[in-house]
Amino acid sequence: MGGLQRVRAPEIHAGAGGPTLCRAQELCRCSCNVSGAYIACYCEFRSPVGNRKVLPVQTILGANGQIGTELAHELHRRFTKDIRLVSRNPERLHDTDELVTADLMDAEQTASAVAGSEIAYLTVGLPPDAKLWAERLPLMMENTIAACEKHGAKLVFFDNTYMYPMTGRPQTEQTRFAPAGSKAHTRATMATILLEAMAAGRVEAVICRAPEFYGPGKTQSFTNAMVFDPIAAGKKSRVPLRDDTLRTLIWTPDASRAMALIGNTPSAYGQTWHLPCDDNRVTYRGLIELASASWGREIDYSVMKRPVFFVARLFNQGVRELWELLPRYEVDNLFVSDKFKRAFPEFRVTTYAEGVAAIQAGEVMATVD
């Protein structure tokens, strides 16, 4: 009976190359295959615990962001202790994590980082810079697909909704792309590249799509930046354009939990999934009211009208990047996640009241620390 034993190298930089002697070589005296940070021997041998096949790792590409970090914790809790964290400067979250330093703009480094993986999660995030996105994100997608194709890894892509029409109509997995603005075109390009690769049979993949974030800690989103971060700093919150349109926001830990579940559900592949959100949607006015209840004081806020944004974008990079997305805030945002809820009825979605309370509790703990 053939066996497979993997030996963990403490830390290997993707693309470093060079032979490494593994325990499997000592046991079977064969020529072993060097796979990224794992050295695998596929020949027949008997290990001290008998012949066995050890499953490959689950790899997170872009592991330092909020989604990647929460995904790693969920995988570790529920699915596997064999997790590889890949980024330019990866940081260990669990004792069993494997760290790989790689630049996803480099095809060879990306391939090396994916080698030996059962599943690769693409959760890479860049600052909200349209030029940077256009230059880097499609190439990162191409490199990731090529790496997964080469090594037979499944691909789970964490996507957003920028390519959807900026209207008040419900958004489902069947909504046609209608990108408006540079960042929206980049995201549409990334998704299309992957959909075409899936259709061509190059890679077994799944798209996990999420609307705008809100979340704990250092969650990077316009809602956190304009509403919750000012509250924590004792400043006035700001709301873009209107405070009476319904918003669908995803609690970032829910997004990561759902993505881990989809990635470890074989029947989920070959599809696009909207990640689960609270269907009791709130307006920004309602969100501020929830914040006032959690913080125990009246939260002051202002509604920033379009002329204010028009002027501010002339000298503020963040406002310039938000400008093309402003039409989204003039209408209700009705992101529909019914498909996921039907497929995974036991998944509990965090309510807006619970999420806001958790943000407040986190701020209190940070202050105490």
Protein backbone atom coordinates (compact mmCIF):
# COMPACT_ATOMS: atom_id res chain seq x y z
CA MET A 1 0.00 0.00 0.00
CA GLY A 2 1.47 3.39 -0.94
CA GLY A 3 1.91 5.97 1.76
CA LEU A 4 2.39 9.70 2.00
CA GLN A 5 4.17 11.44 4.81
CA ARG A 6 4.57 15.17 5.02
CA VAL A 7 7.27 16.76 7.10
CA ARG A 8 6.83 20.37 8.18
CA ALA A 9 9.73 22.73 7.64
CA PRO A 10 9.71 25.40 10.37
CA GLU A 11 9.41 28.19 7.83
CA ILE A 12 10.25 28.33 4.15
CA HIS A 13 10.21 31.30 1.81
CA ALA A 14 8.41 30.57 -1.42
CA GLY A 15 10.77 30.35 -4.34
CA ALA A 16 13.80 29.75 -2.14
CA GLY A 17 14.44 26.36 -3.75
CA GLY A 18 17.08 23.90 -2.71
CA PRO A 19 16.82 20.23 -1.67
CA THR A 20 15.61 19.28 1.79
CA LEU A 21 16.02 15.84 3.37
CA CYS A 22 12.78 14.66 4.94
CA ARG A 23 11.99 11.90 7.37
CA ALA A 24 10.21 10.03 4.56
CA GLN A 25 13.50 9.84 2.65
CA GLU A 26 15.16 8.26 5.65
CA LEU A 27 12.40 5.67 5.82
CA CYS A 28 12.07 4.78 2.15
CA ARG A 29 15.31 5.94 0.50
CA CYS A 30 13.55 7.25 -2.56
CA SER A 31 13.52 10.52 -4.46
CA CYS A 32 11.08 12.83 -2.70
CA ASN A 33 9.09 15.69 -4.13
CA VAL A 34 9.75 19.10 -2.68
CA SER A 35 6.39 20.91 -2.44
CA GLY A 36 6.70 24.45 -1.12
CA ALA A 37 7.13 24.30 2.62
CA TYR A 38 6.08 20.64 2.74
CA ILE A 39 8.32 17.84 1.60
CA ALA A 40 6.23 14.89 0.45
CA CYS A 41 7.27 11.30 -0.24
CA TYR A 42 4.78 9.37 -2.36
CA CYS A 43 6.49 5.98 -2.36
CA GLU A 44 5.82 2.90 -0.29
CA PHE A 45 7.10 2.94 3.27
CA ARG A 46 5.96 2.13 6.75
CA SER A 47 6.06 4.99 9.23
CA PRO A 48 6.33 4.36 12.99
CA VAL A 49 2.49 4.54 13.15
CA GLY A 50 1.90 2.46 10.01
CA ASN A 51 1.17 3.37 6.44
CA ARG A 52 -1.11 6.40 6.22
CA LYS A 53 -2.00 9.30 3.98
CA VAL A 54 -1.93 12.74 5.56
CA LEU A 55 -4.20 15.36 3.96
CA PRO A 56 -2.55 18.44 2.49
CA VAL A 57 -2.79 21.86 4.04
CA GLN A 58 -5.41 24.55 3.56
CA THR A 59 -3.66 27.71 2.42
CA ILE A 60 -4.74 31.32 2.86
CA LEU A 61 -3.32 33.70 0.27
CA GLY A 62 -3.42 37.20 1.70
CA ALA A 63 -3.58 36.02 5.29
CA ASN A 64 -2.89 39.25 7.16
CA GLY A 65 -6.21 41.01 6.53
CA GLN A 66 -9.31 40.87 8.71
CA ILE A 67 -11.01 38.22 6.57
CA GLY A 68 -7.89 36.07 6.25
CA THR A 69 -7.21 36.25 9.98
CA GLU A 70 -10.75 35.31 10.96
CA LEU A 71 -10.77 32.57 8.31
CA ALA A 72 -7.62 31.05 9.79
CA HIS A 73 -9.21 30.97 13.25
CA GLU A 74 -12.36 29.30 11.91
CA LEU A 75 -10.42 26.69 9.94
CA HIS A 76 -8.35 25.94 13.02
CA ARG A 77 -11.44 25.64 15.24
CA ARG A 78 -13.55 23.45 12.97
CA PHE A 79 -11.71 21.90 10.04
CA THR A 80 -7.93 21.49 10.22
CA LYS A 81 -4.82 22.37 12.19
CA ASP A 82 -2.73 22.21 8.99
CA ILE A 83 -2.99 25.84 7.86
CA ARG A 84 -0.52 27.74 5.72
CA LEU A 85 -0.54 31.54 5.99
CA VAL A 86 0.84 33.32 2.93
CA SER A 87 1.59 37.03 2.56
CA ARG A 88 4.52 39.37 2.22
CA ASN A 89 4.91 39.36 6.01
CA PRO A 90 2.86 36.49 7.46
CA GLU A 91 2.21 36.34 11.19
CA ARG A 92 1.55 33.13 13.10
CA LEU A 93 -1.88 32.90 14.74
CA HIS A 94 -1.64 29.34 16.08
CA ASP A 95 1.33 27.20 17.09
CA THR A 96 0.64 24.80 14.23
CA ASP A 97 0.50 27.49 11.50
CA GLU A 98 2.99 27.33 8.68
CA LEU A 99 4.26 30.68 7.43
CA VAL A 100 5.22 31.30 3.80
CA THR A 101 6.46 34.63 2.55
CA ALA A 102 5.38 35.22 -1.03
CA ASP A 103 4.49 37.97 -3.48
CA LEU A 104 1.34 36.99 -5.38
CA MET A 105 2.46 39.24 -8.23
CA ASP A 106 5.16 36.65 -8.88
CA ALA A 107 3.88 33.50 -10.61
CA GLU A 108 6.66 31.23 -9.34
CA GLN A 109 6.30 32.39 -5.75
CA THR A 110 2.54 31.93 -5.94
CA ALA A 111 2.91 28.42 -7.33
CA SER A 112 5.40 27.51 -4.62
CA ALA A 113 3.09 28.90 -1.94
CA VAL A 114 0.15 26.81 -3.20
CA ALA A 115 2.09 23.56 -3.73
CA GLY A 116 0.87 20.76 -1.49
CA SER A 117 -2.42 22.51 -0.72
CA GLU A 118 -5.79 20.80 -0.74
CA ILE A 119 -7.59 24.17 -0.76
CA ALA A 120 -6.29 27.68 -1.44
CA TYR A 121 -8.33 30.67 -0.25
CA LEU A 122 -7.70 33.92 -2.11
CA THR A 123 -8.52 36.67 0.40
CA VAL A 124 -5.92 39.21 -0.62
CA GLY A 125 -6.82 42.81 0.05
CA LEU A 126 -5.20 46.03 -1.13
CA PRO A 127 -5.70 49.64 -0.01
CA PRO A 128 -8.68 51.26 -1.82
CA ASP A 129 -6.57 52.61 -4.65
CA ALA A 130 -8.11 52.19 -8.12
CA LYS A 131 -4.78 52.30 -9.97
CA LEU A 132 -3.20 49.77 -7.62
CA TRP A 133 -6.18 47.44 -7.96
CA ALA A 134 -6.12 47.55 -11.76
CA GLU A 135 -2.39 46.86 -11.88
CA ARG A 136 -2.24 44.05 -9.34
CA LEU A 137 -5.46 42.21 -8.61
CA PRO A 138 -6.14 40.62 -12.04
CA LEU A 139 -2.54 39.41 -12.22
CA MET A 140 -2.81 37.95 -8.71
CA MET A 141 -5.92 36.09 -9.83
CA GLU A 142 -4.17 34.74 -12.94
CA ASN A 143 -1.20 33.59 -10.88
CA THR A 144 -3.43 31.94 -8.28
CA ILE A 145 -5.45 30.06 -10.90
CA ALA A 146 -2.26 28.87 -12.59
CA ALA A 147 -0.85 27.72 -9.26
CA CYS A 148 -4.00 25.81 -8.33
CA GLU A 149 -4.17 24.26 -11.80
CA LYS A 150 -0.55 23.15 -11.58
CA HIS A 151 -0.86 21.57 -8.14
CA GLY A 152 -4.45 20.33 -8.23
CA ALA A 153 -5.64 22.59 -5.41
CA LYS A 154 -9.21 23.78 -5.07
CA LEU A 155 -9.67 27.55 -5.10
CA VAL A 156 -12.01 29.58 -2.87
CA PHE A 157 -12.23 33.23 -3.93
CA PHE A 158 -13.49 35.92 -1.55
CA ASP A 159 -15.25 38.47 -3.75
CA ASN A 160 -17.23 41.69 -3.32
CA THR A 161 -20.23 43.31 -5.05
CA TYR A 162 -18.62 46.31 -6.74
CA MET A 163 -19.44 44.94 -10.20
CA TYR A 164 -23.18 44.82 -9.52
CA PRO A 165 -25.56 47.56 -10.75
CA MET A 166 -25.82 50.40 -8.25
CA THR A 167 -29.59 50.24 -8.01
CA GLY A 168 -32.14 49.39 -5.34
CA ARG A 169 -33.02 46.05 -6.93
CA PRO A 170 -32.33 42.80 -5.03
CA GLN A 171 -28.89 41.33 -5.73
CA THR A 172 -28.68 37.55 -6.14
CA GLU A 173 -26.04 35.19 -7.48
CA GLN A 174 -27.65 35.59 -10.91
CA THR A 175 -27.33 39.40 -10.98
CA ARG A 176 -25.53 40.49 -14.14
CA PHE A 177 -22.35 42.52 -13.87
CA ALA A 178 -22.69 46.21 -14.72
CA PRO A 179 -19.44 47.76 -13.46
CA ALA A 180 -19.27 51.53 -13.15
CA GLY A 181 -15.89 52.96 -12.19
CA SER A 182 -12.34 51.64 -12.16
CA LYS A 183 -12.53 49.51 -9.01
CA ALA A 184 -15.79 47.94 -10.17
CA HIS A 185 -14.25 47.05 -13.54
CA THR A 186 -11.25 45.48 -11.80
CA ARG A 187 -13.45 43.32 -9.61
CA ALA A 188 -15.57 42.29 -12.61
CA THR A 189 -12.38 41.35 -14.46
CA MET A 190 -11.15 39.20 -11.57
CA ALA A 191 -14.44 37.34 -11.26
CA THR A 192 -14.71 36.84 -15.03
CA ILE A 193 -11.17 35.46 -15.23
CA LEU A 194 -12.04 32.87 -12.60
CA LEU A 195 -15.45 32.01 -14.09
CA GLU A 196 -13.81 31.38 -17.48
CA ALA A 197 -11.13 29.19 -15.88
CA MET A 198 -13.84 27.20 -14.09
CA ALA A 199 -15.84 26.78 -17.31
CA ALA A 200 -12.71 25.59 -19.12
CA GLY A 201 -12.05 22.98 -16.44
CA ARG A 202 -8.74 24.50 -15.45
CA VAL A 203 -9.57 24.72 -11.75
CA GLU A 204 -12.18 23.49 -9.29
CA ALA A 205 -13.28 26.68 -7.60
CA VAL A 206 -16.02 28.53 -5.80
CA ILE A 207 -16.80 32.25 -5.49
CA CYS A 208 -17.86 33.59 -2.09
CA ARG A 209 -19.32 37.08 -2.53
CA ALA A 210 -19.95 39.58 0.26
CA PRO A 211 -21.39 43.10 0.48
CA GLU A 212 -19.84 45.92 2.51
CA PHE A 213 -18.16 44.94 5.78
CA TYR A 214 -18.71 45.98 9.32
CA GLY A 215 -16.80 44.25 12.05
CA PRO A 216 -14.61 44.20 15.14
CA GLY A 217 -11.01 45.22 15.62
CA LYS A 218 -9.30 46.88 12.69
CA THR A 219 -11.93 46.01 10.08
CA GLN A 220 -11.32 48.15 7.02
CA SER A 221 -14.58 49.35 5.50
CA PHE A 222 -16.25 52.64 4.73
CA THR A 223 -18.87 51.98 7.41
CA ASN A 224 -16.28 51.28 10.08
CA ALA A 225 -14.21 54.28 8.98
CA MET A 226 -17.14 56.73 8.87
CA VAL A 227 -19.33 55.45 11.71
CA PHE A 228 -17.59 53.23 14.25
CA ASP A 229 -14.02 54.54 14.21
CA PRO A 230 -15.15 58.13 14.96
CA ILE A 231 -17.33 56.84 17.82
CA ALA A 232 -14.30 55.12 19.33
CA ALA A 233 -12.31 58.35 18.96
CA GLY A 234 -15.06 60.45 20.56
CA LYS A 235 -15.78 62.26 17.29
CA LYS A 236 -18.90 62.79 15.19
CA SER A 237 -19.83 59.97 12.85
CA ARG A 238 -20.48 60.68 9.19
CA VAL A 239 -22.97 59.04 6.85
CA PRO A 240 -22.61 59.14 3.06
CA LEU A 241 -25.46 60.91 1.20
CA ARG A 242 -28.51 59.56 3.06
CA ASP A 243 -29.35 58.04 6.42
CA ASP A 244 -32.68 56.49 5.35
CA THR A 245 -31.70 53.89 2.74
CA LEU A 246 -31.54 50.25 3.78
CA ARG A 247 -28.07 48.78 4.01
CA THR A 248 -26.99 45.13 3.83
CA LEU A 249 -23.73 44.81 5.76
CA ILE A 250 -21.88 41.59 6.50
CA TRP A 251 -20.35 40.92 9.91
CA THR A 252 -16.77 39.95 9.04
CA PRO A 253 -16.55 36.89 11.36
CA ASP A 254 -19.73 35.57 9.69
CA ALA A 255 -18.13 36.03 6.27
CA SER A 256 -15.07 34.04 7.29
CA ARG A 257 -17.08 31.30 9.03
CA ALA A 258 -19.28 30.89 5.97
CA MET A 259 -16.32 30.82 3.59
CA ALA A 260 -14.60 28.11 5.64
CA LEU A 261 -17.82 26.08 5.56
CA ILE A 262 -18.23 26.47 1.80
CA GLY A 263 -14.59 25.64 1.17
CA ASN A 264 -14.95 22.39 3.10
CA THR A 265 -18.22 21.39 1.40
CA PRO A 266 -17.34 19.55 -1.84
CA SER A 267 -20.81 20.01 -3.36
CA ALA A 268 -20.51 23.81 -3.03
CA TYR A 269 -17.84 24.09 -5.75
CA GLY A 270 -18.49 25.26 -9.29
CA GLN A 271 -20.87 27.95 -8.07
CA THR A 272 -21.14 31.49 -6.76
CA TRP A 273 -22.46 31.96 -3.22
CA HIS A 274 -23.67 35.10 -1.50
CA LEU A 275 -22.37 34.97 2.05
CA PRO A 276 -24.99 35.25 4.81
CA CYS A 277 -26.19 38.59 6.18
CA ASP A 278 -28.90 39.65 8.63
CA ASP A 279 -32.06 40.14 6.55
CA ASN A 280 -33.44 42.66 9.05
CA ARG A 281 -31.61 45.40 7.19
CA VAL A 282 -30.95 48.74 8.86
CA THR A 283 -30.55 52.29 7.67
CA TYR A 284 -27.55 54.28 8.81
CA ARG A 285 -29.92 56.12 11.13
CA GLY A 286 -30.89 52.77 12.62
CA LEU A 287 -27.25 51.73 12.88
CA ILE A 288 -26.47 54.91 14.81
CA GLU A 289 -29.40 54.19 17.12
CA LEU A 290 -28.01 50.73 17.82
CA ALA A 291 -24.63 52.29 18.53
CA SER A 292 -26.21 54.80 20.92
CA ALA A 293 -27.84 51.94 22.82
CA SER A 294 -24.58 49.97 23.01
CA TRP A 295 -22.40 52.92 24.04
CA GLY A 296 -25.04 54.21 26.45
CA ARG A 297 -25.00 57.74 25.04
CA GLU A 298 -26.48 59.59 22.13
CA ILE A 299 -24.19 59.31 19.14
CA ASP A 300 -23.99 62.46 17.06
CA TYR A 301 -23.63 62.17 13.31
CA SER A 302 -23.91 64.21 10.14
CA VAL A 303 -25.04 63.28 6.64
CA MET A 304 -22.43 64.22 4.06
CA LYS A 305 -24.10 65.41 0.86
CA ARG A 306 -22.66 64.98 -2.63
CA PRO A 307 -21.26 68.58 -2.90
CA VAL A 308 -19.20 67.93 0.25
CA PHE A 309 -17.73 64.79 -1.29
CA PHE A 310 -17.09 66.61 -4.55
CA VAL A 311 -14.93 69.18 -2.80
CA ALA A 312 -13.29 66.79 -0.34
CA ARG A 313 -12.14 64.41 -3.08
CA LEU A 314 -9.87 67.15 -4.44
CA PHE A 315 -7.54 66.80 -1.48
CA ASN A 316 -8.49 63.56 0.31
CA GLN A 317 -7.44 60.19 -1.17
CA GLY A 318 -10.00 58.22 0.82
CA VAL A 319 -12.86 60.38 -0.44
CA ARG A 320 -11.58 60.08 -4.01
CA GLU A 321 -11.74 56.31 -3.76
CA LEU A 322 -15.26 56.44 -2.32
CA TRP A 323 -16.52 58.83 -5.00
CA GLU A 324 -17.23 56.20 -7.68
CA LEU A 325 -19.18 54.11 -5.14
CA LEU A 326 -21.43 56.92 -3.90
CA PRO A 327 -24.48 55.94 -6.00
CA ARG A 328 -24.67 52.76 -3.90
CA TYR A 329 -25.59 54.89 -0.87
CA GLU A 330 -28.42 56.77 -2.60
CA VAL A 331 -30.57 53.63 -2.90
CA ASP A 332 -31.44 50.60 -0.80
CA ASN A 333 -28.79 47.88 -0.88
CA LEU A 334 -30.66 44.55 -0.99
CA PHE A 335 -28.01 41.82 -1.03
CA VAL A 336 -29.81 38.47 -0.92
CA SER A 337 -28.19 35.43 0.73
CA ASP A 338 -31.15 33.03 0.64
CA LYS A 339 -29.25 30.38 -1.32
CA PHE A 340 -26.69 29.97 1.46
CA LYS A 341 -29.36 29.93 4.17
CA ARG A 342 -31.28 27.18 2.40
CA ALA A 343 -28.13 25.08 1.94
CA PHE A 344 -26.79 25.63 5.46
CA PRO A 345 -29.86 26.16 7.68
CA GLU A 346 -27.93 25.59 10.92
CA PHE A 347 -25.59 28.53 10.28
CA ARG A 348 -26.44 31.31 12.74
CA VAL A 349 -26.15 34.83 11.31
CA THR A 350 -25.08 37.65 13.64
CA THR A 351 -27.77 40.32 14.01
CA TYR A 352 -26.92 44.00 13.59
CA ALA A 353 -27.65 44.61 17.27
CA GLU A 354 -25.26 41.82 18.26
CA GLY A 355 -22.56 43.06 15.88
CA VAL A 356 -22.71 46.66 17.09
CA ALA A 357 -22.64 45.47 20.72
CA ALA A 358 -19.57 43.35 19.94
CA ILE A 359 -17.78 46.33 18.37
CA GLN A 360 -18.52 48.39 21.49
CA ALA A 361 -17.34 45.59 23.78
CA GLY A 362 -14.14 45.30 21.77
CA GLU A 363 -13.49 49.02 22.07
CA VAL A 364 -13.95 48.80 25.84
CA MET A 365 -11.50 45.90 26.08
CA ALA A 366 -8.95 47.76 23.92
CA THR A 367 -9.21 50.77 26.22
CA VAL A 368 -8.70 48.62 29.32
CA ASP A 369 -5.73 46.84 27.76
